[in-house]
Amino acid sequence: MVLGACSDETPSIAPLSQDAIVLAFGDSLTYGTGASREHSYPAQLEQLIGHRVINAGVPGELSEQGRKRLPRLLEEYKPGLLILCHGGNDLLRKMDKAQIRRNLEAMIEQADSHGIPVMLIGVPQPALMFLESAPLYEEIASEYDLPIESAILPEVEADHALKSDRIHPDAAGYRLIAEAINRLMINSGALP
């Protein structure tokens, strides 16, 4: 298994306070479609990190809808960290990548305006072979100096043994996603 975007060059995040909440924001991949709620990646991540992780995934949501939904959740939960995994439905529908990028950047800026650090999860673009995250995720992470996990979703999506259907992971696939995010949190300094 690939460790993903984990290196000495991982941008740093201030350590989470003991009572910090983590907001996992996205679409069906965050919601956990294909597994029970307790096997979604946010639920499994919560077990790994010992912090409350809010599952704010909405199946089928487009990034423009997410951009409009996020501010209320930031106000409600005041998270210590936002994990942003969005844009997959836009990519599946072959929507304009520049617009996806603008929506993701707007979400990052919304979090930044509240002083909330962001970790980005790269979503694969549809391909017949050799899945990889859409380049726009690495570009955004570089521009905003964000920790990014860009390898785990393509890795899980490429392994039919880790999926419940054509698109969604099963419990074991979500576990690998949670473990990769946990490693990124450690490498970025968010966790000890």
C-alpha atoms as a PDB file:
ATOM      1  CA  MET A   1       0.000   0.000   0.000  1.00  0.00           C
ATOM      2  CA  VAL A   2       1.175   3.496  -0.838  1.00  0.00           C
ATOM      3  CA  LEU A   3       1.533   5.859   2.104  1.00  0.00           C
ATOM      4  CA  GLY A   4       0.249   8.760   0.072  1.00  0.00           C
ATOM      5  CA  ALA A   5       1.293  12.355   0.313  1.00  0.00           C
ATOM      6  CA  CYS A   6       3.302  11.953   3.486  1.00  0.00           C
ATOM      7  CA  SER A   7       6.803  13.355   3.502  1.00  0.00           C
ATOM      8  CA  ASP A   8       9.060  15.809   5.271  1.00  0.00           C
ATOM      9  CA  GLU A   9       7.500  18.467   3.039  1.00  0.00           C
ATOM     10  CA  THR A  10       4.007  18.050   4.502  1.00  0.00           C
ATOM     11  CA  PRO A  11       2.726  21.525   5.439  1.00  0.00           C
ATOM     12  CA  SER A  12       2.309  21.862   9.181  1.00  0.00           C
ATOM     13  CA  ILE A  13      -0.860  22.355  11.181  1.00  0.00           C
ATOM     14  CA  ALA A  14      -0.961  23.460  14.815  1.00  0.00           C
ATOM     15  CA  PRO A  15      -1.623  20.529  17.167  1.00  0.00           C
ATOM     16  CA  LEU A  16      -5.310  19.962  17.849  1.00  0.00           C
ATOM     17  CA  SER A  17      -6.444  20.924  21.332  1.00  0.00           C
ATOM     18  CA  GLN A  18      -7.617  18.046  23.496  1.00  0.00           C
ATOM     19  CA  ASP A  19     -11.298  18.896  22.968  1.00  0.00           C
ATOM     20  CA  ALA A  20     -11.018  19.865  19.277  1.00  0.00           C
ATOM     21  CA  ILE A  21     -13.681  18.620  16.889  1.00  0.00           C
ATOM     22  CA  VAL A  22     -12.756  17.506  13.376  1.00  0.00           C
ATOM     23  CA  LEU A  23     -15.250  18.234  10.580  1.00  0.00           C
ATOM     24  CA  ALA A  24     -15.127  15.691   7.737  1.00  0.00           C
ATOM     25  CA  PHE A  25     -16.857  17.463   4.853  1.00  0.00           C
ATOM     26  CA  GLY A  26     -17.740  15.997   1.490  1.00  0.00           C
ATOM     27  CA  ASP A  27     -20.097  13.822  -0.513  1.00  0.00           C
ATOM     28  CA  SER A  28     -20.882  10.079  -0.482  1.00  0.00           C
ATOM     29  CA  LEU A  29     -17.230   9.138   0.066  1.00  0.00           C
ATOM     30  CA  THR A  30     -17.341  11.052   3.352  1.00  0.00           C
ATOM     31  CA  TYR A  31     -20.857   9.918   4.209  1.00  0.00           C
ATOM     32  CA  GLY A  32     -19.754   6.292   3.890  1.00  0.00           C
ATOM     33  CA  THR A  33     -22.045   5.050   1.136  1.00  0.00           C
ATOM     34  CA  GLY A  34     -21.377   1.352   0.679  1.00  0.00           C
ATOM     35  CA  ALA A  35     -20.790   0.615   4.371  1.00  0.00           C
ATOM     36  CA  SER A  36     -22.637   1.140   7.640  1.00  0.00           C
ATOM     37  CA  ARG A  37     -22.269   4.559   9.276  1.00  0.00           C
ATOM     38  CA  GLU A  38     -19.918   3.140  11.922  1.00  0.00           C
ATOM     39  CA  HIS A  39     -17.622   1.989   9.106  1.00  0.00           C
ATOM     40  CA  SER A  40     -17.485   5.333   7.240  1.00  0.00           C
ATOM     41  CA  TYR A  41     -14.040   6.881   7.160  1.00  0.00           C
ATOM     42  CA  PRO A  42     -15.031   9.644   9.653  1.00  0.00           C
ATOM     43  CA  ALA A  43     -16.279   7.070  12.189  1.00  0.00           C
ATOM     44  CA  GLN A  44     -13.153   4.960  11.806  1.00  0.00           C
ATOM     45  CA  LEU A  45     -10.925   8.057  11.953  1.00  0.00           C
ATOM     46  CA  GLU A  46     -12.612   9.075  15.228  1.00  0.00           C
ATOM     47  CA  GLN A  47     -11.583   5.730  16.741  1.00  0.00           C
ATOM     48  CA  LEU A  48      -7.998   6.199  15.545  1.00  0.00           C
ATOM     49  CA  ILE A  49      -7.426   9.783  16.703  1.00  0.00           C
ATOM     50  CA  GLY A  50      -9.464  10.073  19.891  1.00  0.00           C
ATOM     51  CA  HIS A  51     -11.204  13.279  18.761  1.00  0.00           C
ATOM     52  CA  ARG A  52     -14.846  13.699  17.842  1.00  0.00           C
ATOM     53  CA  VAL A  53     -15.188  13.582  14.048  1.00  0.00           C
ATOM     54  CA  ILE A  54     -18.388  15.012  12.564  1.00  0.00           C
ATOM     55  CA  ASN A  55     -19.502  13.190   9.422  1.00  0.00           C
ATOM     56  CA  ALA A  56     -20.763  15.990   7.171  1.00  0.00           C
ATOM     57  CA  GLY A  57     -20.994  13.950   3.982  1.00  0.00           C
ATOM     58  CA  VAL A  58     -23.984  14.314   1.664  1.00  0.00           C
ATOM     59  CA  PRO A  59     -24.322  11.689  -1.081  1.00  0.00           C
ATOM     60  CA  GLY A  60     -24.673  13.129  -4.576  1.00  0.00           C
ATOM     61  CA  GLU A  61     -23.699  16.651  -3.557  1.00  0.00           C
ATOM     62  CA  LEU A  62     -21.907  18.856  -6.065  1.00  0.00           C
ATOM     63  CA  SER A  63     -19.118  21.193  -4.985  1.00  0.00           C
ATOM     64  CA  GLU A  64     -21.276  24.290  -5.538  1.00  0.00           C
ATOM     65  CA  GLN A  65     -23.854  22.893  -3.110  1.00  0.00           C
ATOM     66  CA  GLY A  66     -21.079  22.069  -0.654  1.00  0.00           C
ATOM     67  CA  ARG A  67     -19.725  25.602  -0.878  1.00  0.00           C
ATOM     68  CA  LYS A  68     -23.152  26.911   0.149  1.00  0.00           C
ATOM     69  CA  ARG A  69     -23.617  24.325   2.934  1.00  0.00           C
ATOM     70  CA  LEU A  70     -20.220  24.632   4.630  1.00  0.00           C
ATOM     71  CA  PRO A  71     -20.504  28.036   6.395  1.00  0.00           C
ATOM     72  CA  ARG A  72     -23.377  26.903   8.632  1.00  0.00           C
ATOM     73  CA  LEU A  73     -21.434  23.819   9.741  1.00  0.00           C
ATOM     74  CA  LEU A  74     -18.312  25.864  10.492  1.00  0.00           C
ATOM     75  CA  GLU A  75     -20.423  28.140  12.686  1.00  0.00           C
ATOM     76  CA  GLU A  76     -22.252  25.259  14.366  1.00  0.00           C
ATOM     77  CA  TYR A  77     -19.284  23.028  15.218  1.00  0.00           C
ATOM     78  CA  LYS A  78     -16.337  25.462  15.270  1.00  0.00           C
ATOM     79  CA  PRO A  79     -14.000  22.602  14.331  1.00  0.00           C
ATOM     80  CA  GLY A  80     -10.287  22.562  15.053  1.00  0.00           C
ATOM     81  CA  LEU A  81      -9.729  20.989  11.623  1.00  0.00           C
ATOM     82  CA  LEU A  82     -11.642  20.659   8.349  1.00  0.00           C
ATOM     83  CA  ILE A  83     -11.010  17.561   6.223  1.00  0.00           C
ATOM     84  CA  LEU A  84     -12.226  18.486   2.737  1.00  0.00           C
ATOM     85  CA  CYS A  85     -13.016  15.648   0.325  1.00  0.00           C
ATOM     86  CA  HIS A  86     -15.276  17.088  -2.350  1.00  0.00           C
ATOM     87  CA  GLY A  87     -15.729  17.361  -6.106  1.00  0.00           C
ATOM     88  CA  GLY A  88     -16.139  13.695  -7.024  1.00  0.00           C
ATOM     89  CA  ASN A  89     -19.672  14.119  -8.330  1.00  0.00           C
ATOM     90  CA  ASP A  90     -18.575  17.124 -10.387  1.00  0.00           C
ATOM     91  CA  LEU A  91     -15.766  15.040 -11.911  1.00  0.00           C
ATOM     92  CA  LEU A  92     -18.114  12.122 -12.654  1.00  0.00           C
ATOM     93  CA  ARG A  93     -20.439  14.535 -14.476  1.00  0.00           C
ATOM     94  CA  LYS A  94     -17.488  16.019 -16.370  1.00  0.00           C
ATOM     95  CA  MET A  95     -18.226  19.486 -15.057  1.00  0.00           C
ATOM     96  CA  ASP A  96     -15.878  22.404 -15.633  1.00  0.00           C
ATOM     97  CA  LYS A  97     -12.690  21.818 -13.596  1.00  0.00           C
ATOM     98  CA  ALA A  98     -12.129  25.564 -13.208  1.00  0.00           C
ATOM     99  CA  GLN A  99     -15.509  25.832 -11.482  1.00  0.00           C
ATOM    100  CA  ILE A 100     -14.747  22.831  -9.235  1.00  0.00           C
ATOM    101  CA  ARG A 101     -11.506  24.530  -8.291  1.00  0.00           C
ATOM    102  CA  ARG A 102     -13.253  27.832  -7.516  1.00  0.00           C
ATOM    103  CA  ASN A 103     -15.752  26.023  -5.283  1.00  0.00           C
ATOM    104  CA  LEU A 104     -13.021  24.130  -3.399  1.00  0.00           C
ATOM    105  CA  GLU A 105     -10.999  27.326  -2.996  1.00  0.00           C
ATOM    106  CA  ALA A 106     -14.082  29.125  -1.664  1.00  0.00           C
ATOM    107  CA  MET A 107     -14.552  26.365   0.947  1.00  0.00           C
ATOM    108  CA  ILE A 108     -10.901  26.619   1.985  1.00  0.00           C
ATOM    109  CA  GLU A 109     -11.216  30.394   2.269  1.00  0.00           C
ATOM    110  CA  GLN A 110     -14.401  30.043   4.341  1.00  0.00           C
ATOM    111  CA  ALA A 111     -12.511  27.819   6.784  1.00  0.00           C
ATOM    112  CA  ASP A 112      -9.524  30.163   6.774  1.00  0.00           C
ATOM    113  CA  SER A 113     -11.743  33.134   7.620  1.00  0.00           C
ATOM    114  CA  HIS A 114     -12.716  31.231  10.807  1.00  0.00           C
ATOM    115  CA  GLY A 115      -9.091  30.330  11.571  1.00  0.00           C
ATOM    116  CA  ILE A 116      -9.759  26.640  10.818  1.00  0.00           C
ATOM    117  CA  PRO A 117      -6.934  24.666   9.187  1.00  0.00           C
ATOM    118  CA  VAL A 118      -7.802  22.469   6.207  1.00  0.00           C
ATOM    119  CA  MET A 119      -6.571  19.073   5.022  1.00  0.00           C
ATOM    120  CA  LEU A 120      -7.419  18.217   1.440  1.00  0.00           C
ATOM    121  CA  ILE A 121      -8.244  14.745   0.111  1.00  0.00           C
ATOM    122  CA  GLY A 122      -7.569  14.334  -3.602  1.00  0.00           C
ATOM    123  CA  VAL A 123     -10.426  12.740  -5.553  1.00  0.00           C
ATOM    124  CA  PRO A 124      -9.648  10.632  -8.621  1.00  0.00           C
ATOM    125  CA  GLN A 125     -10.790  11.738 -12.013  1.00  0.00           C
ATOM    126  CA  PRO A 126     -12.617   9.035 -13.988  1.00  0.00           C
ATOM    127  CA  ALA A 127     -10.239   6.899 -16.070  1.00  0.00           C
ATOM    128  CA  LEU A 128     -10.205   3.446 -17.576  1.00  0.00           C
ATOM    129  CA  MET A 129      -6.782   2.681 -16.149  1.00  0.00           C
ATOM    130  CA  PHE A 130      -4.208   4.174 -13.791  1.00  0.00           C
ATOM    131  CA  LEU A 131      -6.463   6.172 -11.504  1.00  0.00           C
ATOM    132  CA  GLU A 132      -4.939   9.249  -9.921  1.00  0.00           C
ATOM    133  CA  SER A 133      -6.273  12.298  -8.174  1.00  0.00           C
ATOM    134  CA  ALA A 134      -7.347  15.100 -10.446  1.00  0.00           C
ATOM    135  CA  PRO A 135      -4.360  17.487 -10.727  1.00  0.00           C
ATOM    136  CA  LEU A 136      -6.421  20.401  -9.443  1.00  0.00           C
ATOM    137  CA  TYR A 137      -6.209  18.986  -5.879  1.00  0.00           C
ATOM    138  CA  GLU A 138      -2.402  19.057  -5.792  1.00  0.00           C
ATOM    139  CA  GLU A 139      -2.461  22.516  -7.378  1.00  0.00           C
ATOM    140  CA  ILE A 140      -4.845  23.841  -4.718  1.00  0.00           C
ATOM    141  CA  ALA A 141      -2.864  22.212  -1.910  1.00  0.00           C
ATOM    142  CA  SER A 142       0.322  23.814  -3.212  1.00  0.00           C
ATOM    143  CA  GLU A 143      -1.279  27.230  -3.652  1.00  0.00           C
ATOM    144  CA  TYR A 144      -2.809  27.256  -0.154  1.00  0.00           C
ATOM    145  CA  ASP A 145       0.048  25.301   1.521  1.00  0.00           C
ATOM    146  CA  LEU A 146      -2.307  22.555   2.703  1.00  0.00           C
ATOM    147  CA  PRO A 147      -1.541  19.000   3.754  1.00  0.00           C
ATOM    148  CA  ILE A 148      -2.993  16.696   1.111  1.00  0.00           C
ATOM    149  CA  GLU A 149      -3.657  12.978   0.861  1.00  0.00           C
ATOM    150  CA  SER A 150      -3.821  12.377  -2.880  1.00  0.00           C
ATOM    151  CA  ALA A 151      -2.964   8.683  -3.194  1.00  0.00           C
ATOM    152  CA  ILE A 152      -5.426   6.789  -0.990  1.00  0.00           C
ATOM    153  CA  LEU A 153      -8.684   7.350  -2.899  1.00  0.00           C
ATOM    154  CA  PRO A 154      -7.205   6.319  -6.261  1.00  0.00           C
ATOM    155  CA  GLU A 155      -5.618   3.312  -4.544  1.00  0.00           C
ATOM    156  CA  VAL A 156      -8.891   2.187  -2.956  1.00  0.00           C
ATOM    157  CA  GLU A 157     -10.936   2.971  -6.069  1.00  0.00           C
ATOM    158  CA  ALA A 158      -8.597   0.848  -8.195  1.00  0.00           C
ATOM    159  CA  ASP A 159      -9.011  -2.244  -5.957  1.00  0.00           C
ATOM    160  CA  HIS A 160     -12.352  -3.978  -6.553  1.00  0.00           C
ATOM    161  CA  ALA A 161     -11.811  -6.045  -3.384  1.00  0.00           C
ATOM    162  CA  LEU A 162     -12.127  -2.796  -1.367  1.00  0.00           C
ATOM    163  CA  LYS A 163     -15.347  -1.566  -2.981  1.00  0.00           C
ATOM    164  CA  SER A 164     -19.042  -2.140  -2.388  1.00  0.00           C
ATOM    165  CA  ASP A 165     -20.028  -0.953  -5.872  1.00  0.00           C
ATOM    166  CA  ARG A 166     -18.453   0.734  -8.901  1.00  0.00           C
ATOM    167  CA  ILE A 167     -17.640   3.908  -6.968  1.00  0.00           C
ATOM    168  CA  HIS A 168     -17.893   3.429  -3.212  1.00  0.00           C
ATOM    169  CA  PRO A 169     -15.501   1.672  -0.845  1.00  0.00           C
ATOM    170  CA  ASP A 170     -16.571  -1.031   1.572  1.00  0.00           C
ATOM    171  CA  ALA A 171     -15.722  -0.961   5.296  1.00  0.00           C
ATOM    172  CA  ALA A 172     -12.154  -2.159   4.632  1.00  0.00           C
ATOM    173  CA  GLY A 173     -11.655   0.534   1.986  1.00  0.00           C
ATOM    174  CA  TYR A 174     -12.924   3.237   4.335  1.00  0.00           C
ATOM    175  CA  ARG A 175     -10.556   1.894   7.020  1.00  0.00           C
ATOM    176  CA  LEU A 176      -7.596   2.420   4.694  1.00  0.00           C
ATOM    177  CA  ILE A 177      -8.789   5.970   3.990  1.00  0.00           C
ATOM    178  CA  ALA A 178      -9.075   6.679   7.733  1.00  0.00           C
ATOM    179  CA  GLU A 179      -5.589   5.266   8.334  1.00  0.00           C
ATOM    180  CA  ALA A 180      -4.105   7.415   5.550  1.00  0.00           C
ATOM    181  CA  ILE A 181      -5.740  10.554   6.969  1.00  0.00           C
ATOM    182  CA  ASN A 182      -4.494   9.628  10.440  1.00  0.00           C
ATOM    183  CA  ARG A 183      -0.925   9.389   9.061  1.00  0.00           C
ATOM    184  CA  LEU A 184      -1.313  12.763   7.361  1.00  0.00           C
ATOM    185  CA  MET A 185      -2.565  14.300  10.605  1.00  0.00           C
ATOM    186  CA  ILE A 186       0.500  12.958  12.420  1.00  0.00           C
ATOM    187  CA  ASN A 187       2.900  14.054   9.668  1.00  0.00           C
ATOM    188  CA  SER A 188       1.415  17.557   9.593  1.00  0.00           C
ATOM    189  CA  GLY A 189       1.708  17.952  13.372  1.00  0.00           C
ATOM    190  CA  ALA A 190      -2.056  18.068  13.996  1.00  0.00           C
ATOM    191  CA  LEU A 191      -1.672  14.907  16.123  1.00  0.00           C
ATOM    192  CA  PRO A 192       1.297  13.868  18.274  1.00  0.00           C
END
